[in-house]
Amino acid sequence: MNDELMFPDDENGNALRQMLAEGDNLSMPRDFDFTVVFATEEAALQFAVAMLRQGQKASFSEYEEDEEMPWQVTLHPYMDPTHENISLYESALENEASAFEGALEGWGCVPQS
C-alpha cells in the first residue's frame, strides 16, 4: 500500500507517519485513549454512562487544560492503529459527544515495538 493511502495528509495521517518514523510497529493492535471534553460535570457523566452502556471502556476526570471545558471522558478502545480505524472512531465519538455538547480533544496510545 502506498504511503498516501496509509497516511492521508491530515492530522491522523501525520500522527501515524510520525509514530512509524519513531519506530512504532503499526501492525500491532493496542489500547488507545480518545479524550472528549465537556463544559459541565453532568454532561461528562451522562456521556460516560452512555458510552459504558454501549460496552465502551471509559474513564472520567477533571480536565485542567481548558477552563471552559473542565471535564473529560476518555474512551479506551483496543484496535489496530490504522488511519481508517482512528478516523471512524473519532467520527463516531464526535457524533455521540455532540448530543452532550462535548468536543473531541484528541487521542494517544503507547508505542509498540
PDB file of N, CA and C in Angstrom:
ATOM      1  N   MET A   1       0.857  -1.172   0.000  1.00  0.00           N
ATOM      2  CA  MET A   1       0.000   0.000   0.000  1.00  0.00           C
ATOM      3  C   MET A   1       0.898   1.229   0.000  1.00  0.00           C
ATOM      4  N   ASN A   2       0.543   2.209  -0.806  1.00  0.00           N
ATOM      5  CA  ASN A   2       1.421   3.380  -0.850  1.00  0.00           C
ATOM      6  C   ASN A   2       1.183   4.289   0.351  1.00  0.00           C
ATOM      7  N   ASP A   3       2.181   5.112   0.613  1.00  0.00           N
ATOM      8  CA  ASP A   3       2.189   5.974   1.798  1.00  0.00           C
ATOM      9  C   ASP A   3       0.983   6.902   1.850  1.00  0.00           C
ATOM     10  N   GLU A   4       0.538   7.404   0.700  1.00  0.00           N
ATOM     11  CA  GLU A   4      -0.569   8.345   0.665  1.00  0.00           C
ATOM     12  C   GLU A   4      -1.883   7.686   1.089  1.00  0.00           C
ATOM     13  N   LEU A   5      -2.072   6.401   0.758  1.00  0.00           N
ATOM     14  CA  LEU A   5      -3.281   5.700   1.181  1.00  0.00           C
ATOM     15  C   LEU A   5      -3.213   5.326   2.660  1.00  0.00           C
ATOM     16  N   MET A   6      -2.028   4.910   3.127  1.00  0.00           N
ATOM     17  CA  MET A   6      -1.872   4.555   4.541  1.00  0.00           C
ATOM     18  C   MET A   6      -1.951   5.778   5.441  1.00  0.00           C
ATOM     19  N   PHE A   7      -1.348   6.873   4.989  1.00  0.00           N
ATOM     20  CA  PHE A   7      -1.244   8.074   5.802  1.00  0.00           C
ATOM     21  C   PHE A   7      -1.715   9.295   5.011  1.00  0.00           C
ATOM     22  N   PRO A   8      -3.016   9.477   4.892  1.00  0.00           N
ATOM     23  CA  PRO A   8      -3.503  10.679   4.197  1.00  0.00           C
ATOM     24  C   PRO A   8      -2.953  11.946   4.842  1.00  0.00           C
ATOM     25  N   ASP A   9      -2.977  13.020   4.100  1.00  0.00           N
ATOM     26  CA  ASP A   9      -2.420  14.293   4.560  1.00  0.00           C
ATOM     27  C   ASP A   9      -3.430  15.001   5.458  1.00  0.00           C
ATOM     28  N   ASP A  10      -3.545  14.510   6.683  1.00  0.00           N
ATOM     29  CA  ASP A  10      -4.400  15.137   7.685  1.00  0.00           C
ATOM     30  C   ASP A  10      -3.776  14.883   9.055  1.00  0.00           C
ATOM     31  N   GLU A  11      -4.428  15.324  10.097  1.00  0.00           N
ATOM     32  CA  GLU A  11      -3.873  15.220  11.445  1.00  0.00           C
ATOM     33  C   GLU A  11      -3.583  13.767  11.840  1.00  0.00           C
ATOM     34  N   ASN A  12      -4.519  12.867  11.556  1.00  0.00           N
ATOM     35  CA  ASN A  12      -4.305  11.465  11.909  1.00  0.00           C
ATOM     36  C   ASN A  12      -3.195  10.840  11.068  1.00  0.00           C
ATOM     37  N   GLY A  13      -3.176  11.151   9.790  1.00  0.00           N
ATOM     38  CA  GLY A  13      -2.120  10.641   8.923  1.00  0.00           C
ATOM     39  C   GLY A  13      -0.753  11.125   9.366  1.00  0.00           C
ATOM     40  N   ASN A  14      -0.675  12.391   9.741  1.00  0.00           N
ATOM     41  CA  ASN A  14       0.593  12.953  10.217  1.00  0.00           C
ATOM     42  C   ASN A  14       1.044  12.279  11.510  1.00  0.00           C
ATOM     43  N   ALA A  15       0.102  12.025  12.415  1.00  0.00           N
ATOM     44  CA  ALA A  15       0.443  11.365  13.677  1.00  0.00           C
ATOM     45  C   ALA A  15       0.939   9.947  13.423  1.00  0.00           C
ATOM     46  N   LEU A  16       0.261   9.213  12.550  1.00  0.00           N
ATOM     47  CA  LEU A  16       0.681   7.848  12.242  1.00  0.00           C
ATOM     48  C   LEU A  16       2.043   7.817  11.548  1.00  0.00           C
ATOM     49  N   ARG A  17       2.255   8.745  10.647  1.00  0.00           N
ATOM     50  CA  ARG A  17       3.537   8.836   9.952  1.00  0.00           C
ATOM     51  C   ARG A  17       4.660   9.093  10.977  1.00  0.00           C
ATOM     52  N   GLN A  18       4.414   9.963  11.934  1.00  0.00           N
ATOM     53  CA  GLN A  18       5.394  10.269  12.986  1.00  0.00           C
ATOM     54  C   GLN A  18       5.635   9.043  13.867  1.00  0.00           C
ATOM     55  N   MET A  19       4.575   8.340  14.214  1.00  0.00           N
ATOM     56  CA  MET A  19       4.715   7.129  15.028  1.00  0.00           C
ATOM     57  C   MET A  19       5.610   6.112  14.318  1.00  0.00           C
ATOM     58  N   LEU A  20       5.374   5.907  13.034  1.00  0.00           N
ATOM     59  CA  LEU A  20       6.170   4.964  12.247  1.00  0.00           C
ATOM     60  C   LEU A  20       7.632   5.407  12.195  1.00  0.00           C
ATOM     61  N   ALA A  21       7.855   6.701  11.985  1.00  0.00           N
ATOM     62  CA  ALA A  21       9.214   7.234  11.914  1.00  0.00           C
ATOM     63  C   ALA A  21       9.962   7.043  13.234  1.00  0.00           C
ATOM     64  N   GLU A  22       9.222   7.027  14.340  1.00  0.00           N
ATOM     65  CA  GLU A  22       9.831   6.842  15.657  1.00  0.00           C
ATOM     66  C   GLU A  22       9.992   5.374  16.032  1.00  0.00           C
ATOM     67  N   GLY A  23       9.666   4.467  15.087  1.00  0.00           N
ATOM     68  CA  GLY A  23       9.881   3.045  15.316  1.00  0.00           C
ATOM     69  C   GLY A  23       8.691   2.276  15.825  1.00  0.00           C
ATOM     70  N   ASP A  24       7.514   2.885  15.872  1.00  0.00           N
ATOM     71  CA  ASP A  24       6.320   2.181  16.329  1.00  0.00           C
ATOM     72  C   ASP A  24       5.951   1.101  15.312  1.00  0.00           C
ATOM     73  N   ASN A  25       5.596  -0.073  15.801  1.00  0.00           N
ATOM     74  CA  ASN A  25       5.145  -1.172  14.950  1.00  0.00           C
ATOM     75  C   ASN A  25       3.636  -1.021  14.743  1.00  0.00           C
ATOM     76  N   LEU A  26       3.251  -0.396  13.652  1.00  0.00           N
ATOM     77  CA  LEU A  26       1.839  -0.100  13.407  1.00  0.00           C
ATOM     78  C   LEU A  26       1.027  -1.328  12.996  1.00  0.00           C
ATOM     79  N   SER A  27       1.659  -2.493  12.953  1.00  0.00           N
ATOM     80  CA  SER A  27       0.896  -3.711  12.660  1.00  0.00           C
ATOM     81  C   SER A  27       0.365  -4.348  13.941  1.00  0.00           C
ATOM     82  N   MET A  28       0.714  -3.786  15.094  1.00  0.00           N
ATOM     83  CA  MET A  28       0.293  -4.350  16.377  1.00  0.00           C
ATOM     84  C   MET A  28      -0.897  -3.577  16.955  1.00  0.00           C
ATOM     85  N   PRO A  29      -2.018  -4.264  17.225  1.00  0.00           N
ATOM     86  CA  PRO A  29      -3.139  -3.586  17.883  1.00  0.00           C
ATOM     87  C   PRO A  29      -2.732  -3.166  19.289  1.00  0.00           C
ATOM     88  N   ARG A  30      -3.457  -2.175  19.809  1.00  0.00           N
ATOM     89  CA  ARG A  30      -3.157  -1.667  21.139  1.00  0.00           C
ATOM     90  C   ARG A  30      -4.335  -0.881  21.678  1.00  0.00           C
ATOM     91  N   ASP A  31      -4.268  -0.564  22.987  1.00  0.00           N
ATOM     92  CA  ASP A  31      -5.266   0.301  23.613  1.00  0.00           C
ATOM     93  C   ASP A  31      -4.995   1.737  23.194  1.00  0.00           C
ATOM     94  N   PHE A  32      -6.053   2.444  22.873  1.00  0.00           N
ATOM     95  CA  PHE A  32      -5.989   3.865  22.560  1.00  0.00           C
ATOM     96  C   PHE A  32      -6.694   4.639  23.663  1.00  0.00           C
ATOM     97  N   ASP A  33      -6.399   5.917  23.755  1.00  0.00           N
ATOM     98  CA  ASP A  33      -7.113   6.837  24.643  1.00  0.00           C
ATOM     99  C   ASP A  33      -7.643   7.974  23.774  1.00  0.00           C
ATOM    100  N   PHE A  34      -8.958   8.065  23.675  1.00  0.00           N
ATOM    101  CA  PHE A  34      -9.614   9.167  22.962  1.00  0.00           C
ATOM    102  C   PHE A  34     -10.287  10.032  24.007  1.00  0.00           C
ATOM    103  N   THR A  35      -9.941  11.309  24.057  1.00  0.00           N
ATOM    104  CA  THR A  35     -10.462  12.199  25.085  1.00  0.00           C
ATOM    105  C   THR A  35     -11.507  13.147  24.514  1.00  0.00           C
ATOM    106  N   VAL A  36     -12.629  13.238  25.241  1.00  0.00           N
ATOM    107  CA  VAL A  36     -13.717  14.153  24.898  1.00  0.00           C
ATOM    108  C   VAL A  36     -13.899  15.073  26.102  1.00  0.00           C
ATOM    109  N   VAL A  37     -13.982  16.385  25.856  1.00  0.00           N
ATOM    110  CA  VAL A  37     -14.099  17.355  26.948  1.00  0.00           C
ATOM    111  C   VAL A  37     -15.485  17.996  26.968  1.00  0.00           C
ATOM    112  N   PHE A  38     -15.867  18.449  28.172  1.00  0.00           N
ATOM    113  CA  PHE A  38     -17.210  18.969  28.408  1.00  0.00           C
ATOM    114  C   PHE A  38     -17.177  20.190  29.312  1.00  0.00           C
ATOM    115  N   ALA A  39     -18.178  21.027  29.158  1.00  0.00           N
ATOM    116  CA  ALA A  39     -18.286  22.244  29.975  1.00  0.00           C
ATOM    117  C   ALA A  39     -18.802  21.953  31.381  1.00  0.00           C
ATOM    118  N   THR A  40     -19.621  20.907  31.510  1.00  0.00           N
ATOM    119  CA  THR A  40     -20.190  20.612  32.824  1.00  0.00           C
ATOM    120  C   THR A  40     -19.906  19.168  33.234  1.00  0.00           C
ATOM    121  N   GLU A  41     -19.819  18.984  34.525  1.00  0.00           N
ATOM    122  CA  GLU A  41     -19.615  17.648  35.072  1.00  0.00           C
ATOM    123  C   GLU A  41     -20.787  16.745  34.713  1.00  0.00           C
ATOM    124  N   GLU A  42     -21.984  17.274  34.779  1.00  0.00           N
ATOM    125  CA  GLU A  42     -23.184  16.486  34.466  1.00  0.00           C
ATOM    126  C   GLU A  42     -23.162  15.960  33.034  1.00  0.00           C
ATOM    127  N   ALA A  43     -22.811  16.809  32.075  1.00  0.00           N
ATOM    128  CA  ALA A  43     -22.748  16.382  30.672  1.00  0.00           C
ATOM    129  C   ALA A  43     -21.689  15.297  30.492  1.00  0.00           C
ATOM    130  N   ALA A  44     -20.546  15.471  31.129  1.00  0.00           N
ATOM    131  CA  ALA A  44     -19.476  14.472  31.014  1.00  0.00           C
ATOM    132  C   ALA A  44     -19.919  13.132  31.591  1.00  0.00           C
ATOM    133  N   LEU A  45     -20.563  13.166  32.736  1.00  0.00           N
ATOM    134  CA  LEU A  45     -21.042  11.928  33.350  1.00  0.00           C
ATOM    135  C   LEU A  45     -22.122  11.259  32.498  1.00  0.00           C
ATOM    136  N   GLN A  46     -23.030  12.054  31.950  1.00  0.00           N
ATOM    137  CA  GLN A  46     -24.073  11.481  31.087  1.00  0.00           C
ATOM    138  C   GLN A  46     -23.464  10.819  29.853  1.00  0.00           C
ATOM    139  N   PHE A  47     -22.474  11.472  29.268  1.00  0.00           N
ATOM    140  CA  PHE A  47     -21.790  10.898  28.112  1.00  0.00           C
ATOM    141  C   PHE A  47     -21.077   9.608  28.507  1.00  0.00           C
ATOM    142  N   ALA A  48     -20.375   9.631  29.633  1.00  0.00           N
ATOM    143  CA  ALA A  48     -19.658   8.435  30.089  1.00  0.00           C
ATOM    144  C   ALA A  48     -20.614   7.266  30.289  1.00  0.00           C
ATOM    145  N   VAL A  49     -21.749   7.524  30.906  1.00  0.00           N
ATOM    146  CA  VAL A  49     -22.740   6.468  31.120  1.00  0.00           C
ATOM    147  C   VAL A  49     -23.259   5.942  29.776  1.00  0.00           C
ATOM    148  N   ALA A  50     -23.523   6.836  28.837  1.00  0.00           N
ATOM    149  CA  ALA A  50     -23.985   6.413  27.514  1.00  0.00           C
ATOM    150  C   ALA A  50     -22.945   5.522  26.839  1.00  0.00           C
ATOM    151  N   MET A  51     -21.682   5.874  26.959  1.00  0.00           N
ATOM    152  CA  MET A  51     -20.618   5.069  26.347  1.00  0.00           C
ATOM    153  C   MET A  51     -20.468   3.720  27.051  1.00  0.00           C
ATOM    154  N   LEU A  52     -20.568   3.715  28.376  1.00  0.00           N
ATOM    155  CA  LEU A  52     -20.494   2.457  29.125  1.00  0.00           C
ATOM    156  C   LEU A  52     -21.644   1.534  28.732  1.00  0.00           C
ATOM    157  N   ARG A  53     -22.816   2.089  28.526  1.00  0.00           N
ATOM    158  CA  ARG A  53     -23.973   1.277  28.107  1.00  0.00           C
ATOM    159  C   ARG A  53     -23.770   0.674  26.721  1.00  0.00           C
ATOM    160  N   GLN A  54     -22.907   1.282  25.920  1.00  0.00           N
ATOM    161  CA  GLN A  54     -22.589   0.753  24.603  1.00  0.00           C
ATOM    162  C   GLN A  54     -21.427  -0.244  24.644  1.00  0.00           C
ATOM    163  N   GLY A  55     -20.951  -0.538  25.849  1.00  0.00           N
ATOM    164  CA  GLY A  55     -19.879  -1.507  26.009  1.00  0.00           C
ATOM    165  C   GLY A  55     -18.481  -0.925  25.879  1.00  0.00           C
ATOM    166  N   GLN A  56     -18.365   0.394  25.902  1.00  0.00           N
ATOM    167  CA  GLN A  56     -17.063   1.048  25.809  1.00  0.00           C
ATOM    168  C   GLN A  56     -16.403   1.088  27.183  1.00  0.00           C
ATOM    169  N   LYS A  57     -15.078   1.024  27.200  1.00  0.00           N
ATOM    170  CA  LYS A  57     -14.329   1.291  28.428  1.00  0.00           C
ATOM    171  C   LYS A  57     -14.156   2.798  28.500  1.00  0.00           C
ATOM    172  N   ALA A  58     -14.475   3.373  29.662  1.00  0.00           N
ATOM    173  CA  ALA A  58     -14.419   4.829  29.792  1.00  0.00           C
ATOM    174  C   ALA A  58     -13.907   5.216  31.171  1.00  0.00           C
ATOM    175  N   SER A  59     -13.230   6.356  31.218  1.00  0.00           N
ATOM    176  CA  SER A  59     -12.817   6.943  32.487  1.00  0.00           C
ATOM    177  C   SER A  59     -13.229   8.418  32.478  1.00  0.00           C
ATOM    178  N   PHE A  60     -13.407   8.972  33.666  1.00  0.00           N
ATOM    179  CA  PHE A  60     -13.921  10.332  33.846  1.00  0.00           C
ATOM    180  C   PHE A  60     -13.017  11.063  34.823  1.00  0.00           C
ATOM    181  N   SER A  61     -12.723  12.332  34.519  1.00  0.00           N
ATOM    182  CA  SER A  61     -11.924  13.133  35.446  1.00  0.00           C
ATOM    183  C   SER A  61     -12.026  14.612  35.096  1.00  0.00           C
ATOM    184  N   GLU A  62     -11.465  15.433  35.979  1.00  0.00           N
ATOM    185  CA  GLU A  62     -11.362  16.854  35.672  1.00  0.00           C
ATOM    186  C   GLU A  62     -10.330  17.028  34.569  1.00  0.00           C
ATOM    187  N   TYR A  63     -10.463  18.128  33.821  1.00  0.00           N
ATOM    188  CA  TYR A  63      -9.550  18.436  32.731  1.00  0.00           C
ATOM    189  C   TYR A  63      -9.012  19.837  32.968  1.00  0.00           C
ATOM    190  N   GLU A  64      -7.764  19.946  33.348  1.00  0.00           N
ATOM    191  CA  GLU A  64      -7.183  21.219  33.756  1.00  0.00           C
ATOM    192  C   GLU A  64      -6.665  22.061  32.600  1.00  0.00           C
ATOM    193  N   GLU A  65      -6.654  21.532  31.384  1.00  0.00           N
ATOM    194  CA  GLU A  65      -6.075  22.229  30.235  1.00  0.00           C
ATOM    195  C   GLU A  65      -6.979  23.336  29.671  1.00  0.00           C
ATOM    196  N   ASP A  66      -8.265  23.304  30.018  1.00  0.00           N
ATOM    197  CA  ASP A  66      -9.218  24.233  29.401  1.00  0.00           C
ATOM    198  C   ASP A  66     -10.256  24.657  30.438  1.00  0.00           C
ATOM    199  N   GLU A  67     -10.238  25.918  30.827  1.00  0.00           N
ATOM    200  CA  GLU A  67     -11.167  26.409  31.847  1.00  0.00           C
ATOM    201  C   GLU A  67     -12.626  26.339  31.393  1.00  0.00           C
ATOM    202  N   GLU A  68     -12.865  26.452  30.095  1.00  0.00           N
ATOM    203  CA  GLU A  68     -14.236  26.425  29.576  1.00  0.00           C
ATOM    204  C   GLU A  68     -14.766  25.002  29.421  1.00  0.00           C
ATOM    205  N   MET A  69     -13.880  24.030  29.331  1.00  0.00           N
ATOM    206  CA  MET A  69     -14.258  22.623  29.184  1.00  0.00           C
ATOM    207  C   MET A  69     -13.472  21.824  30.228  1.00  0.00           C
ATOM    208  N   PRO A  70     -13.847  21.958  31.530  1.00  0.00           N
ATOM    209  CA  PRO A  70     -13.014  21.413  32.594  1.00  0.00           C
ATOM    210  C   PRO A  70     -13.250  19.941  32.967  1.00  0.00           C
ATOM    211  N   TRP A  71     -14.042  19.223  32.168  1.00  0.00           N
ATOM    212  CA  TRP A  71     -14.323  17.819  32.471  1.00  0.00           C
ATOM    213  C   TRP A  71     -13.997  16.973  31.259  1.00  0.00           C
ATOM    214  N   GLN A  72     -13.437  15.786  31.502  1.00  0.00           N
ATOM    215  CA  GLN A  72     -13.087  14.917  30.390  1.00  0.00           C
ATOM    216  C   GLN A  72     -13.557  13.491  30.621  1.00  0.00           C
ATOM    217  N   VAL A  73     -13.878  12.860  29.510  1.00  0.00           N
ATOM    218  CA  VAL A  73     -14.156  11.431  29.481  1.00  0.00           C
ATOM    219  C   VAL A  73     -13.179  10.858  28.473  1.00  0.00           C
ATOM    220  N   THR A  74     -12.475   9.824  28.881  1.00  0.00           N
ATOM    221  CA  THR A  74     -11.524   9.177  27.984  1.00  0.00           C
ATOM    222  C   THR A  74     -12.038   7.776  27.687  1.00  0.00           C
ATOM    223  N   LEU A  75     -12.129   7.459  26.400  1.00  0.00           N
ATOM    224  CA  LEU A  75     -12.559   6.151  25.942  1.00  0.00           C
ATOM    225  C   LEU A  75     -11.318   5.350  25.602  1.00  0.00           C
ATOM    226  N   HIS A  76     -11.366   4.041  25.854  1.00  0.00           N
ATOM    227  CA  HIS A  76     -10.180   3.194  25.728  1.00  0.00           C
ATOM    228  C   HIS A  76     -10.437   1.995  24.807  1.00  0.00           C
ATOM    229  N   PRO A  77     -10.608   2.228  23.514  1.00  0.00           N
ATOM    230  CA  PRO A  77     -10.806   1.093  22.610  1.00  0.00           C
ATOM    231  C   PRO A  77      -9.490   0.363  22.332  1.00  0.00           C
ATOM    232  N   TYR A  78      -9.601  -0.918  22.067  1.00  0.00           N
ATOM    233  CA  TYR A  78      -8.459  -1.729  21.639  1.00  0.00           C
ATOM    234  C   TYR A  78      -8.637  -1.948  20.151  1.00  0.00           C
ATOM    235  N   MET A  79      -7.649  -1.513  19.348  1.00  0.00           N
ATOM    236  CA  MET A  79      -7.803  -1.624  17.905  1.00  0.00           C
ATOM    237  C   MET A  79      -6.464  -1.525  17.194  1.00  0.00           C
ATOM    238  N   ASP A  80      -6.499  -1.854  15.913  1.00  0.00           N
ATOM    239  CA  ASP A  80      -5.326  -1.681  15.065  1.00  0.00           C
ATOM    240  C   ASP A  80      -5.129  -0.194  14.805  1.00  0.00           C
ATOM    241  N   PRO A  81      -3.893   0.284  14.826  1.00  0.00           N
ATOM    242  CA  PRO A  81      -3.621   1.709  14.609  1.00  0.00           C
ATOM    243  C   PRO A  81      -3.590   2.076  13.121  1.00  0.00           C
ATOM    244  N   THR A  82      -4.770   2.045  12.507  1.00  0.00           N
ATOM    245  CA  THR A  82      -4.860   2.441  11.103  1.00  0.00           C
ATOM    246  C   THR A  82      -5.575   3.782  11.003  1.00  0.00           C
ATOM    247  N   HIS A  83      -5.290   4.484   9.930  1.00  0.00           N
ATOM    248  CA  HIS A  83      -5.956   5.764   9.695  1.00  0.00           C
ATOM    249  C   HIS A  83      -7.471   5.573   9.672  1.00  0.00           C
ATOM    250  N   GLU A  84      -7.924   4.540   8.985  1.00  0.00           N
ATOM    251  CA  GLU A  84      -9.362   4.285   8.875  1.00  0.00           C
ATOM    252  C   GLU A  84      -9.992   4.037  10.245  1.00  0.00           C
ATOM    253  N   ASN A  85      -9.390   3.165  11.060  1.00  0.00           N
ATOM    254  CA  ASN A  85      -9.946   2.869  12.382  1.00  0.00           C
ATOM    255  C   ASN A  85     -10.018   4.112  13.258  1.00  0.00           C
ATOM    256  N   ILE A  86      -8.933   4.857  13.288  1.00  0.00           N
ATOM    257  CA  ILE A  86      -8.883   6.056  14.132  1.00  0.00           C
ATOM    258  C   ILE A  86      -9.903   7.082  13.662  1.00  0.00           C
ATOM    259  N   SER A  87      -9.961   7.326  12.363  1.00  0.00           N
ATOM    260  CA  SER A  87     -10.884   8.333  11.821  1.00  0.00           C
ATOM    261  C   SER A  87     -12.337   7.935  12.029  1.00  0.00           C
ATOM    262  N   LEU A  88     -12.657   6.655  11.839  1.00  0.00           N
ATOM    263  CA  LEU A  88     -14.036   6.195  12.060  1.00  0.00           C
ATOM    264  C   LEU A  88     -14.419   6.313  13.532  1.00  0.00           C
ATOM    265  N   TYR A  89     -13.509   5.952  14.418  1.00  0.00           N
ATOM    266  CA  TYR A  89     -13.792   6.046  15.846  1.00  0.00           C
ATOM    267  C   TYR A  89     -13.987   7.509  16.257  1.00  0.00           C
ATOM    268  N   GLU A  90     -13.124   8.379  15.759  1.00  0.00           N
ATOM    269  CA  GLU A  90     -13.273   9.808  16.050  1.00  0.00           C
ATOM    270  C   GLU A  90     -14.623  10.331  15.566  1.00  0.00           C
ATOM    271  N   SER A  91     -14.998   9.959  14.371  1.00  0.00           N
ATOM    272  CA  SER A  91     -16.269  10.422  13.809  1.00  0.00           C
ATOM    273  C   SER A  91     -17.450   9.961  14.658  1.00  0.00           C
ATOM    274  N   ALA A  92     -17.427   8.704  15.063  1.00  0.00           N
ATOM    275  CA  ALA A  92     -18.499   8.178  15.912  1.00  0.00           C
ATOM    276  C   ALA A  92     -18.536   8.895  17.256  1.00  0.00           C
ATOM    277  N   LEU A  93     -17.365   9.136  17.837  1.00  0.00           N
ATOM    278  CA  LEU A  93     -17.301   9.854  19.115  1.00  0.00           C
ATOM    279  C   LEU A  93     -17.822  11.281  18.993  1.00  0.00           C
ATOM    280  N   GLU A  94     -17.405  11.970  17.937  1.00  0.00           N
ATOM    281  CA  GLU A  94     -17.879  13.343  17.731  1.00  0.00           C
ATOM    282  C   GLU A  94     -19.402  13.373  17.613  1.00  0.00           C
ATOM    283  N   ASN A  95     -19.953  12.408  16.914  1.00  0.00           N
ATOM    284  CA  ASN A  95     -21.403  12.328  16.757  1.00  0.00           C
ATOM    285  C   ASN A  95     -22.090  12.102  18.108  1.00  0.00           C
ATOM    286  N   GLU A  96     -21.580  11.151  18.884  1.00  0.00           N
ATOM    287  CA  GLU A  96     -22.150  10.856  20.204  1.00  0.00           C
ATOM    288  C   GLU A  96     -21.969  12.043  21.156  1.00  0.00           C
ATOM    289  N   ALA A  97     -20.788  12.641  21.163  1.00  0.00           N
ATOM    290  CA  ALA A  97     -20.475  13.723  22.100  1.00  0.00           C
ATOM    291  C   ALA A  97     -21.281  14.982  21.823  1.00  0.00           C
ATOM    292  N   SER A  98     -21.635  15.201  20.566  1.00  0.00           N
ATOM    293  CA  SER A  98     -22.370  16.422  20.223  1.00  0.00           C
ATOM    294  C   SER A  98     -23.712  16.502  20.951  1.00  0.00           C
ATOM    295  N   ALA A  99     -24.317  15.366  21.240  1.00  0.00           N
ATOM    296  CA  ALA A  99     -25.587  15.346  21.973  1.00  0.00           C
ATOM    297  C   ALA A  99     -25.415  15.848  23.408  1.00  0.00           C
ATOM    298  N   PHE A 100     -24.181  15.832  23.904  1.00  0.00           N
ATOM    299  CA  PHE A 100     -23.880  16.275  25.270  1.00  0.00           C
ATOM    300  C   PHE A 100     -23.016  17.542  25.268  1.00  0.00           C
ATOM    301  N   GLU A 101     -22.923  18.175  24.099  1.00  0.00           N
ATOM    302  CA  GLU A 101     -22.124  19.383  23.906  1.00  0.00           C
ATOM    303  C   GLU A 101     -20.649  19.162  24.259  1.00  0.00           C
ATOM    304  N   GLY A 102     -20.166  17.965  23.929  1.00  0.00           N
ATOM    305  CA  GLY A 102     -18.767  17.637  24.148  1.00  0.00           C
ATOM    306  C   GLY A 102     -17.959  17.848  22.881  1.00  0.00           C
ATOM    307  N   ALA A 103     -16.655  17.953  23.049  1.00  0.00           N
ATOM    308  CA  ALA A 103     -15.749  18.155  21.925  1.00  0.00           C
ATOM    309  C   ALA A 103     -14.587  17.174  22.021  1.00  0.00           C
ATOM    310  N   LEU A 104     -14.281  16.532  20.907  1.00  0.00           N
ATOM    311  CA  LEU A 104     -13.149  15.620  20.862  1.00  0.00           C
ATOM    312  C   LEU A 104     -11.860  16.417  21.048  1.00  0.00           C
ATOM    313  N   GLU A 105     -11.042  16.001  22.012  1.00  0.00           N
ATOM    314  CA  GLU A 105      -9.799  16.713  22.322  1.00  0.00           C
ATOM    315  C   GLU A 105      -8.599  16.079  21.627  1.00  0.00           C
ATOM    316  N   GLY A 106      -8.641  14.778  21.403  1.00  0.00           N
ATOM    317  CA  GLY A 106      -7.534  14.112  20.739  1.00  0.00           C
ATOM    318  C   GLY A 106      -7.415  12.667  21.176  1.00  0.00           C
ATOM    319  N   TRP A 107      -6.340  12.022  20.691  1.00  0.00           N
ATOM    320  CA  TRP A 107      -6.113  10.630  21.018  1.00  0.00           C
ATOM    321  C   TRP A 107      -4.618  10.368  21.213  1.00  0.00           C
ATOM    322  N   GLY A 108      -4.350   9.255  21.833  1.00  0.00           N
ATOM    323  CA  GLY A 108      -2.981   8.829  22.023  1.00  0.00           C
ATOM    324  C   GLY A 108      -2.945   7.334  22.274  1.00  0.00           C
ATOM    325  N   CYS A 109      -1.744   6.758  22.241  1.00  0.00           N
ATOM    326  CA  CYS A 109      -1.553   5.346  22.533  1.00  0.00           C
ATOM    327  C   CYS A 109      -0.083   5.120  22.870  1.00  0.00           C
ATOM    328  N   VAL A 110       0.182   3.986  23.478  1.00  0.00           N
ATOM    329  CA  VAL A 110       1.546   3.629  23.829  1.00  0.00           C
ATOM    330  C   VAL A 110       2.192   2.963  22.617  1.00  0.00           C
ATOM    331  N   PRO A 111       3.371   3.409  22.229  1.00  0.00           N
ATOM    332  CA  PRO A 111       4.062   2.800  21.076  1.00  0.00           C
ATOM    333  C   PRO A 111       4.342   1.322  21.322  1.00  0.00           C
ATOM    334  N   GLN A 112       4.318   0.541  20.233  1.00  0.00           N
ATOM    335  CA  GLN A 112       4.635  -0.877  20.275  1.00  0.00           C
ATOM    336  C   GLN A 112       5.877  -1.112  19.419  1.00  0.00           C
ATOM    337  N   SER A 113       6.704  -2.043  19.827  1.00  0.00           N
ATOM    338  CA  SER A 113       7.900  -2.316  19.017  1.00  0.00           C
ATOM    339  C   SER A 113       8.003  -3.792  18.688  1.00  0.00           C
TER     340      SER A 113
END
